[in-house]
Amino acid sequence: MRFIVALWRFAIAGFCFVGTYEAWSKPQFWVYFTFQTGFVLGIVMLWSGAATLLKGIQPPAWLKGCLTVYAIVTALVAFFLTPPDDPAYVPQVIGIMTNTMLHKIAPIMAVIDFVLFDPHRRFRWHYMFSWLAYFPAYLVFVLARAAIWPGSGPAAGGSPYPYDFINLDALGWQGFVQWNRRGFCTRANPASLHRRRWHA
């Protein structure tokens, strides 16, 4: 069984690394939350797969759980808050778009890994609070970078904002606060998310 689990984790790592390969030639792509967390998830799954295969030390439960949560967030944001990927623009590997690997395949596989293969007694309930700490830090990073390097990309036209819902230039401070406050409330309610995506 451990060989199957190890191969599963290596496969997740593979999808993460292939899904982020574009950033190696376009460093500005590392601004995307997806690329940052996807690459680290790949490293952790590679570590976990090797530890499973060799009966070694597994990654800390806090780190693995944290990245699984981020993978879920990545999938939800991609599905509900960003437009569908354009196959003419997004690179493909073995016929699969790299964004599909990061936004769908890797998150789904990471959740399955967590549910079926991880000993849940390793996780403490208070971990969730520290897992959320990166989100405001990421937001501060994006806003500070946009203020310092306003034309640095990675978005179209050189916009430094990776996602429309944090685009301060387009929304303004008032719109930025209102949109994200409303977005937070709807993201907390799956039914509202569904209505927002299909009826917005």
C-alpha atoms as a PDB file:
ATOM      1  CA  MET A   1       0.000   0.000   0.000  1.00  0.00           C
ATOM      2  CA  ARG A   2       2.781   2.441   0.812  1.00  0.00           C
ATOM      3  CA  PHE A   3       4.106   2.132  -2.753  1.00  0.00           C
ATOM      4  CA  ILE A   4       0.726   3.225  -4.120  1.00  0.00           C
ATOM      5  CA  VAL A   5       0.600   6.140  -1.668  1.00  0.00           C
ATOM      6  CA  ALA A   6       4.140   7.148  -2.584  1.00  0.00           C
ATOM      7  CA  LEU A   7       3.345   7.076  -6.318  1.00  0.00           C
ATOM      8  CA  TRP A   8       0.180   9.104  -5.685  1.00  0.00           C
ATOM      9  CA  ARG A   9       2.204  11.774  -3.887  1.00  0.00           C
ATOM     10  CA  PHE A  10       4.882  11.782  -6.567  1.00  0.00           C
ATOM     11  CA  ALA A  11       2.126  12.292  -9.139  1.00  0.00           C
ATOM     12  CA  ILE A  12       0.829  15.320  -7.225  1.00  0.00           C
ATOM     13  CA  ALA A  13       4.357  16.723  -7.119  1.00  0.00           C
ATOM     14  CA  GLY A  14       4.703  16.131 -10.853  1.00  0.00           C
ATOM     15  CA  PHE A  15       1.506  18.012 -11.657  1.00  0.00           C
ATOM     16  CA  CYS A  16       2.619  20.884  -9.407  1.00  0.00           C
ATOM     17  CA  PHE A  17       6.065  21.179 -10.989  1.00  0.00           C
ATOM     18  CA  VAL A  18       4.807  20.873 -14.562  1.00  0.00           C
ATOM     19  CA  GLY A  19       1.997  23.294 -13.782  1.00  0.00           C
ATOM     20  CA  THR A  20       4.451  25.950 -12.578  1.00  0.00           C
ATOM     21  CA  TYR A  21       7.165  25.460 -15.195  1.00  0.00           C
ATOM     22  CA  GLU A  22       6.085  28.580 -17.070  1.00  0.00           C
ATOM     23  CA  ALA A  23       7.228  30.780 -14.182  1.00  0.00           C
ATOM     24  CA  TRP A  24      10.857  29.754 -14.681  1.00  0.00           C
ATOM     25  CA  SER A  25      10.972  31.728 -17.934  1.00  0.00           C
ATOM     26  CA  LYS A  26       8.530  34.414 -16.722  1.00  0.00           C
ATOM     27  CA  PRO A  27       9.556  35.290 -13.142  1.00  0.00           C
ATOM     28  CA  GLN A  28       6.673  37.738 -12.752  1.00  0.00           C
ATOM     29  CA  PHE A  29       4.339  34.723 -12.699  1.00  0.00           C
ATOM     30  CA  TRP A  30       5.581  33.904  -9.207  1.00  0.00           C
ATOM     31  CA  VAL A  31       3.320  36.738  -8.041  1.00  0.00           C
ATOM     32  CA  TYR A  32       0.341  34.424  -8.581  1.00  0.00           C
ATOM     33  CA  PHE A  33      -0.827  32.732  -5.397  1.00  0.00           C
ATOM     34  CA  THR A  34      -1.370  29.594  -7.473  1.00  0.00           C
ATOM     35  CA  PHE A  35       2.253  29.383  -8.555  1.00  0.00           C
ATOM     36  CA  GLN A  36       3.649  30.090  -5.102  1.00  0.00           C
ATOM     37  CA  THR A  37       1.545  27.562  -3.246  1.00  0.00           C
ATOM     38  CA  GLY A  38       1.541  25.032  -6.084  1.00  0.00           C
ATOM     39  CA  PHE A  39       5.317  24.877  -6.212  1.00  0.00           C
ATOM     40  CA  VAL A  40       5.664  24.505  -2.438  1.00  0.00           C
ATOM     41  CA  LEU A  41       2.937  21.836  -2.473  1.00  0.00           C
ATOM     42  CA  GLY A  42       5.006  19.989  -5.058  1.00  0.00           C
ATOM     43  CA  ILE A  43       8.089  20.080  -2.825  1.00  0.00           C
ATOM     44  CA  VAL A  44       6.118  18.856   0.192  1.00  0.00           C
ATOM     45  CA  MET A  45       4.474  16.045  -1.785  1.00  0.00           C
ATOM     46  CA  LEU A  46       7.841  14.996  -3.181  1.00  0.00           C
ATOM     47  CA  TRP A  47       9.189  14.897   0.373  1.00  0.00           C
ATOM     48  CA  SER A  48       6.124  13.022   1.608  1.00  0.00           C
ATOM     49  CA  GLY A  49       6.287  10.517  -1.238  1.00  0.00           C
ATOM     50  CA  ALA A  50       9.958   9.798  -0.619  1.00  0.00           C
ATOM     51  CA  ALA A  51       9.356   9.483   3.135  1.00  0.00           C
ATOM     52  CA  THR A  52       6.500   7.059   2.489  1.00  0.00           C
ATOM     53  CA  LEU A  53       8.578   4.960   0.128  1.00  0.00           C
ATOM     54  CA  LEU A  54      11.683   4.895   2.340  1.00  0.00           C
ATOM     55  CA  LYS A  55       9.833   4.891   5.676  1.00  0.00           C
ATOM     56  CA  GLY A  56      11.465   8.201   6.551  1.00  0.00           C
ATOM     57  CA  ILE A  57      10.333  11.337   8.367  1.00  0.00           C
ATOM     58  CA  GLN A  58       7.163  12.855   6.952  1.00  0.00           C
ATOM     59  CA  PRO A  59       6.726  16.626   6.441  1.00  0.00           C
ATOM     60  CA  PRO A  60       5.295  18.418   9.489  1.00  0.00           C
ATOM     61  CA  ALA A  61       1.530  17.985   9.715  1.00  0.00           C
ATOM     62  CA  TRP A  62       1.128  21.756  10.014  1.00  0.00           C
ATOM     63  CA  LEU A  63       2.878  22.339   6.679  1.00  0.00           C
ATOM     64  CA  LYS A  64       1.101  19.600   4.767  1.00  0.00           C
ATOM     65  CA  GLY A  65      -2.302  20.623   6.094  1.00  0.00           C
ATOM     66  CA  CYS A  66      -1.593  24.261   5.332  1.00  0.00           C
ATOM     67  CA  LEU A  67      -0.758  23.565   1.694  1.00  0.00           C
ATOM     68  CA  THR A  68      -3.798  21.324   1.313  1.00  0.00           C
ATOM     69  CA  VAL A  69      -5.981  24.226   2.478  1.00  0.00           C
ATOM     70  CA  TYR A  70      -4.235  26.562   0.042  1.00  0.00           C
ATOM     71  CA  ALA A  71      -4.795  24.062  -2.775  1.00  0.00           C
ATOM     72  CA  ILE A  72      -8.515  24.047  -1.959  1.00  0.00           C
ATOM     73  CA  VAL A  73      -8.571  27.860  -1.933  1.00  0.00           C
ATOM     74  CA  THR A  74      -6.786  27.883  -5.295  1.00  0.00           C
ATOM     75  CA  ALA A  75      -9.402  25.567  -6.778  1.00  0.00           C
ATOM     76  CA  LEU A  76     -12.320  27.592  -5.387  1.00  0.00           C
ATOM     77  CA  VAL A  77     -10.907  30.912  -6.602  1.00  0.00           C
ATOM     78  CA  ALA A  78     -10.218  29.464 -10.045  1.00  0.00           C
ATOM     79  CA  PHE A  79     -13.746  28.076 -10.300  1.00  0.00           C
ATOM     80  CA  PHE A  80     -15.754  30.933  -8.833  1.00  0.00           C
ATOM     81  CA  LEU A  81     -13.757  34.148  -9.243  1.00  0.00           C
ATOM     82  CA  THR A  82     -11.612  33.893 -12.364  1.00  0.00           C
ATOM     83  CA  PRO A  83     -12.631  33.457 -16.024  1.00  0.00           C
ATOM     84  CA  PRO A  84     -12.222  30.061 -17.728  1.00  0.00           C
ATOM     85  CA  ASP A  85      -8.797  29.304 -19.165  1.00  0.00           C
ATOM     86  CA  ASP A  86      -8.221  29.848 -22.867  1.00  0.00           C
ATOM     87  CA  PRO A  87      -6.533  26.792 -24.462  1.00  0.00           C
ATOM     88  CA  ALA A  88      -5.046  29.083 -27.108  1.00  0.00           C
ATOM     89  CA  TYR A  89      -3.160  31.021 -24.428  1.00  0.00           C
ATOM     90  CA  VAL A  90      -2.453  28.546 -21.607  1.00  0.00           C
ATOM     91  CA  PRO A  91       0.405  26.080 -22.287  1.00  0.00           C
ATOM     92  CA  GLN A  92      -0.464  22.400 -22.516  1.00  0.00           C
ATOM     93  CA  VAL A  93       1.558  19.356 -21.497  1.00  0.00           C
ATOM     94  CA  ILE A  94       0.413  15.894 -22.630  1.00  0.00           C
ATOM     95  CA  GLY A  95      -2.787  17.552 -23.778  1.00  0.00           C
ATOM     96  CA  ILE A  96      -3.621  19.053 -20.355  1.00  0.00           C
ATOM     97  CA  MET A  97      -3.513  22.790 -19.691  1.00  0.00           C
ATOM     98  CA  THR A  98      -0.977  23.663 -16.994  1.00  0.00           C
ATOM     99  CA  ASN A  99      -3.588  25.751 -15.191  1.00  0.00           C
ATOM    100  CA  THR A 100      -5.843  22.700 -15.059  1.00  0.00           C
ATOM    101  CA  MET A 101      -3.035  20.823 -13.338  1.00  0.00           C
ATOM    102  CA  LEU A 102      -2.672  23.545 -10.690  1.00  0.00           C
ATOM    103  CA  HIS A 103      -6.307  24.570 -10.315  1.00  0.00           C
ATOM    104  CA  LYS A 104      -8.063  21.217 -10.480  1.00  0.00           C
ATOM    105  CA  ILE A 105      -5.977  18.053 -10.657  1.00  0.00           C
ATOM    106  CA  ALA A 106      -3.401  18.795  -7.937  1.00  0.00           C
ATOM    107  CA  PRO A 107      -5.953  20.216  -5.444  1.00  0.00           C
ATOM    108  CA  ILE A 108      -8.328  17.264  -5.901  1.00  0.00           C
ATOM    109  CA  MET A 109      -5.490  14.774  -5.512  1.00  0.00           C
ATOM    110  CA  ALA A 110      -4.165  16.631  -2.447  1.00  0.00           C
ATOM    111  CA  VAL A 111      -7.580  16.480  -0.771  1.00  0.00           C
ATOM    112  CA  ILE A 112      -7.866  12.761  -1.522  1.00  0.00           C
ATOM    113  CA  ASP A 113      -4.378  12.272  -0.090  1.00  0.00           C
ATOM    114  CA  PHE A 114      -5.370  14.143   3.064  1.00  0.00           C
ATOM    115  CA  VAL A 115      -8.636  12.234   3.521  1.00  0.00           C
ATOM    116  CA  LEU A 116      -7.384   8.740   2.737  1.00  0.00           C
ATOM    117  CA  PHE A 117      -3.693   8.614   3.542  1.00  0.00           C
ATOM    118  CA  ASP A 118      -2.870  11.121   6.275  1.00  0.00           C
ATOM    119  CA  PRO A 119      -3.147  10.141   9.950  1.00  0.00           C
ATOM    120  CA  HIS A 120      -5.517  12.865  11.121  1.00  0.00           C
ATOM    121  CA  ARG A 121      -4.409  12.616  14.711  1.00  0.00           C
ATOM    122  CA  ARG A 122      -1.318  14.561  13.639  1.00  0.00           C
ATOM    123  CA  PHE A 123      -3.426  17.671  13.107  1.00  0.00           C
ATOM    124  CA  ARG A 124      -4.391  20.091  15.859  1.00  0.00           C
ATOM    125  CA  TRP A 125      -7.522  22.219  15.688  1.00  0.00           C
ATOM    126  CA  HIS A 126      -5.607  25.452  16.253  1.00  0.00           C
ATOM    127  CA  TYR A 127      -3.503  24.929  13.119  1.00  0.00           C
ATOM    128  CA  MET A 128      -6.256  26.545  11.030  1.00  0.00           C
ATOM    129  CA  PHE A 129      -5.615  29.964  12.544  1.00  0.00           C
ATOM    130  CA  SER A 130      -1.953  30.011  11.550  1.00  0.00           C
ATOM    131  CA  TRP A 131      -2.815  28.623   8.109  1.00  0.00           C
ATOM    132  CA  LEU A 132      -4.870  31.746   7.413  1.00  0.00           C
ATOM    133  CA  ALA A 133      -1.992  34.100   8.251  1.00  0.00           C
ATOM    134  CA  TYR A 134      -0.488  33.961   4.759  1.00  0.00           C
ATOM    135  CA  PHE A 135      -3.548  35.460   3.050  1.00  0.00           C
ATOM    136  CA  PRO A 136      -3.194  39.000   4.496  1.00  0.00           C
ATOM    137  CA  ALA A 137       0.582  38.744   4.081  1.00  0.00           C
ATOM    138  CA  TYR A 138       0.113  37.860   0.414  1.00  0.00           C
ATOM    139  CA  LEU A 139      -2.286  40.762  -0.068  1.00  0.00           C
ATOM    140  CA  VAL A 140       0.182  43.209   1.497  1.00  0.00           C
ATOM    141  CA  PHE A 141       2.928  41.819  -0.749  1.00  0.00           C
ATOM    142  CA  VAL A 142       0.834  42.306  -3.912  1.00  0.00           C
ATOM    143  CA  LEU A 143      -0.220  45.850  -2.986  1.00  0.00           C
ATOM    144  CA  ALA A 144       3.306  46.889  -1.983  1.00  0.00           C
ATOM    145  CA  ARG A 145       4.782  45.423  -5.156  1.00  0.00           C
ATOM    146  CA  ALA A 146       2.149  47.192  -7.276  1.00  0.00           C
ATOM    147  CA  ALA A 147       2.983  50.513  -5.625  1.00  0.00           C
ATOM    148  CA  ILE A 148       6.727  50.089  -6.140  1.00  0.00           C
ATOM    149  CA  TRP A 149       6.703  48.477  -9.617  1.00  0.00           C
ATOM    150  CA  PRO A 150       3.408  49.546 -11.229  1.00  0.00           C
ATOM    151  CA  GLY A 151       4.145  48.154 -14.712  1.00  0.00           C
ATOM    152  CA  SER A 152       5.793  44.901 -13.761  1.00  0.00           C
ATOM    153  CA  GLY A 153       3.031  42.451 -14.665  1.00  0.00           C
ATOM    154  CA  PRO A 154       2.080  39.612 -14.604  1.00  0.00           C
ATOM    155  CA  ALA A 155      -1.403  40.559 -15.830  1.00  0.00           C
ATOM    156  CA  ALA A 156      -2.305  41.839 -19.284  1.00  0.00           C
ATOM    157  CA  GLY A 157      -0.954  45.263 -20.185  1.00  0.00           C
ATOM    158  CA  GLY A 158       1.717  45.025 -17.490  1.00  0.00           C
ATOM    159  CA  SER A 159      -0.732  45.358 -14.612  1.00  0.00           C
ATOM    160  CA  PRO A 160       0.992  44.290 -11.383  1.00  0.00           C
ATOM    161  CA  TYR A 161      -2.230  42.845  -9.962  1.00  0.00           C
ATOM    162  CA  PRO A 162      -2.491  39.101 -10.574  1.00  0.00           C
ATOM    163  CA  TYR A 163      -6.251  38.962  -9.942  1.00  0.00           C
ATOM    164  CA  ASP A 164      -9.045  41.373 -10.857  1.00  0.00           C
ATOM    165  CA  PHE A 165     -10.609  41.180  -7.393  1.00  0.00           C
ATOM    166  CA  ILE A 166      -7.504  42.750  -5.835  1.00  0.00           C
ATOM    167  CA  ASN A 167      -6.847  45.240  -8.636  1.00  0.00           C
ATOM    168  CA  LEU A 168      -6.640  48.495  -6.723  1.00  0.00           C
ATOM    169  CA  ASP A 169      -6.249  50.575  -9.893  1.00  0.00           C
ATOM    170  CA  ALA A 170      -9.537  49.307 -11.292  1.00  0.00           C
ATOM    171  CA  LEU A 171     -11.541  49.141  -8.073  1.00  0.00           C
ATOM    172  CA  GLY A 172     -10.187  52.041  -6.008  1.00  0.00           C
ATOM    173  CA  TRP A 173      -9.881  51.699  -2.247  1.00  0.00           C
ATOM    174  CA  GLN A 174     -13.613  51.873  -1.622  1.00  0.00           C
ATOM    175  CA  GLY A 175     -14.434  49.347  -4.320  1.00  0.00           C
ATOM    176  CA  PHE A 176     -11.534  47.163  -3.218  1.00  0.00           C
ATOM    177  CA  VAL A 177     -12.824  46.996   0.369  1.00  0.00           C
ATOM    178  CA  GLN A 178     -16.450  46.517  -0.659  1.00  0.00           C
ATOM    179  CA  TRP A 179     -15.707  43.856  -3.263  1.00  0.00           C
ATOM    180  CA  ASN A 180     -13.483  41.811  -0.995  1.00  0.00           C
ATOM    181  CA  ARG A 181     -15.828  42.147   1.986  1.00  0.00           C
ATOM    182  CA  ARG A 182     -18.703  40.981  -0.186  1.00  0.00           C
ATOM    183  CA  GLY A 183     -16.514  38.276  -1.696  1.00  0.00           C
ATOM    184  CA  PHE A 184     -15.513  37.033   1.750  1.00  0.00           C
ATOM    185  CA  CYS A 185     -19.145  36.756   2.810  1.00  0.00           C
ATOM    186  CA  THR A 186     -20.175  34.905  -0.338  1.00  0.00           C
ATOM    187  CA  ARG A 187     -17.169  32.602  -0.260  1.00  0.00           C
ATOM    188  CA  ALA A 188     -18.229  31.566   3.210  1.00  0.00           C
ATOM    189  CA  ASN A 189     -21.532  30.354   1.725  1.00  0.00           C
ATOM    190  CA  PRO A 190     -21.215  27.786  -1.088  1.00  0.00           C
ATOM    191  CA  ALA A 191     -24.766  28.477  -2.302  1.00  0.00           C
ATOM    192  CA  SER A 192     -23.930  32.164  -2.692  1.00  0.00           C
ATOM    193  CA  LEU A 193     -20.760  31.236  -4.547  1.00  0.00           C
ATOM    194  CA  HIS A 194     -22.780  29.163  -6.997  1.00  0.00           C
ATOM    195  CA  ARG A 195     -25.236  31.974  -7.620  1.00  0.00           C
ATOM    196  CA  ARG A 196     -22.390  34.460  -8.016  1.00  0.00           C
ATOM    197  CA  ARG A 197     -20.613  32.407 -10.664  1.00  0.00           C
ATOM    198  CA  TRP A 198     -23.578  31.532 -12.822  1.00  0.00           C
ATOM    199  CA  HIS A 199     -25.784  34.589 -12.418  1.00  0.00           C
ATOM    200  CA  ALA A 200     -23.300  37.458 -12.052  1.00  0.00           C
END
